[in-house]
Structures are given as C-alpha cells and as structure tokens.
Amino acid sequence: MQEATTNTTTTAAPSFAVDWDAGHMGCGEVLIQLKLRFRPLQTGDLFRLITRDIAAPLEIPAWCRVTKRQLIHAEHPEYWIEQK
C-alpha cells in the first residue's frame, strides 16, 4: 500500500517596520499621523495600517498617490503601504 504525500507550502507573513491600529480615528488625523510615522522609515519598509474610518477606502489610496508611496494591499480596514 502506497502512502499519500501532501505538498504544503507556507507563505510567510510580510515583515512590517510599523504595525499601527488607528482604530476609529478620523481620516484627517490618521493622515497627519501617517506623515509623522513614515518619517523614520527607510525606502522599502512596509507599514501596516488598520483604520476603521469609513472614508479610508478613498483617503488612504489618495494619500499614497499624493505622497508617491506604494499601496501594496488595501482591504478595509487593513492597508499595507511601502515607504518610497
């Protein structure tokens, strides 16, 4: 009798330089805090943002475009942003 083999691959979770849960903070304040929190980051660092503000699906991608940062993942309430 032959044993069944299973191939399993595990994908490692990305390593975030910053992991910030902004909770229900309004987008205006979130964007100000993002500017401050991105200052010490190096090019290529990943920032994980959790924000439950209802405007975030529009505001966070717009902020990334304006600041020329790469939005890697956007699935409300979680956003992954790469430092430029």
Protein backbone atom coordinates (compact mmCIF):
# COMPACT_ATOMS: atom_id res chain seq x y z
CA MET A 1 0.00 0.00 0.00
CA GLN A 2 1.39 3.36 -1.02
CA GLU A 3 1.30 6.29 1.41
CA ALA A 4 -0.21 9.53 0.20
CA THR A 5 2.07 12.52 0.27
CA THR A 6 0.90 16.04 0.57
CA ASN A 7 2.77 19.07 -0.60
CA THR A 8 2.11 22.03 1.60
CA THR A 9 3.60 25.42 1.07
CA THR A 10 3.52 28.08 3.68
CA THR A 11 3.74 31.69 2.78
CA ALA A 12 5.46 33.77 5.40
CA ALA A 13 3.62 36.87 6.51
CA PRO A 14 5.30 40.08 5.44
CA SER A 15 7.56 41.78 7.93
CA PHE A 16 6.25 45.22 8.81
CA ALA A 17 8.52 48.01 10.04
CA VAL A 18 5.42 49.56 11.65
CA ASP A 19 2.10 48.00 12.54
CA TRP A 20 -0.40 50.66 13.65
CA ASP A 21 -4.05 50.26 14.58
CA ALA A 22 -5.63 53.71 14.30
CA GLY A 23 -9.00 52.37 15.43
CA HIS A 24 -11.90 54.70 14.67
CA MET A 25 -9.72 57.82 14.42
CA GLY A 26 -10.92 60.18 11.67
CA CYS A 27 -9.06 60.17 8.37
CA GLY A 28 -7.77 63.72 8.78
CA GLU A 29 -5.97 62.78 11.97
CA VAL A 30 -4.87 59.43 10.52
CA LEU A 31 -3.22 61.17 7.56
CA ILE A 32 -1.37 63.60 9.85
CA GLN A 33 -0.18 60.70 12.00
CA LEU A 34 0.88 58.74 8.89
CA LYS A 35 3.14 61.60 7.82
CA LEU A 36 4.83 61.56 11.22
CA ARG A 37 5.06 57.78 11.46
CA PHE A 38 6.62 57.46 8.00
CA ARG A 39 9.50 59.88 8.74
CA PRO A 40 11.86 57.35 10.36
CA LEU A 41 11.18 54.60 7.80
CA GLN A 42 13.69 53.53 5.18
CA THR A 43 12.94 53.04 1.47
CA GLY A 44 11.14 49.74 1.00
CA ASP A 45 9.91 49.43 4.60
CA LEU A 46 6.35 48.15 4.93
CA PHE A 47 3.78 49.89 7.08
CA ARG A 48 0.62 48.06 8.13
CA LEU A 49 -2.30 50.35 8.92
CA ILE A 50 -5.60 49.30 10.43
CA THR A 51 -8.21 52.05 10.28
CA ARG A 52 -11.95 51.66 10.61
CA ASP A 53 -12.84 55.14 9.40
CA ILE A 54 -15.47 54.88 6.65
CA ALA A 55 -13.56 57.34 4.43
CA ALA A 56 -10.35 55.27 4.50
CA PRO A 57 -11.04 53.29 1.28
CA LEU A 58 -10.93 56.61 -0.59
CA GLU A 59 -8.49 58.60 1.55
CA ILE A 60 -5.67 56.11 2.04
CA PRO A 61 -5.15 55.33 -1.68
CA ALA A 62 -5.32 59.06 -2.46
CA TRP A 63 -2.73 59.82 0.25
CA CYS A 64 -0.44 57.16 -1.21
CA ARG A 65 -0.73 58.64 -4.71
CA VAL A 66 -0.05 62.19 -3.48
CA THR A 67 2.94 61.13 -1.36
CA LYS A 68 4.19 58.70 -4.03
CA ARG A 69 4.08 55.73 -1.69
CA GLN A 70 3.12 52.29 -2.95
CA LEU A 71 -0.17 50.87 -1.69
CA ILE A 72 0.58 47.15 -1.60
CA HIS A 73 -2.67 45.86 -0.11
CA ALA A 74 -6.00 47.57 0.52
CA GLU A 75 -8.82 45.57 2.01
CA HIS A 76 -10.70 47.71 4.51
CA PRO A 77 -9.82 48.04 7.37
CA GLU A 78 -6.26 46.86 6.53
CA TYR A 79 -3.79 48.73 4.33
CA TRP A 80 -0.15 47.88 3.57
CA ILE A 81 1.95 50.81 2.40
CA GLU A 82 5.55 50.73 1.18
CA GLN A 83 7.85 53.63 2.01
CA LYS A 84 9.22 55.45 -1.03
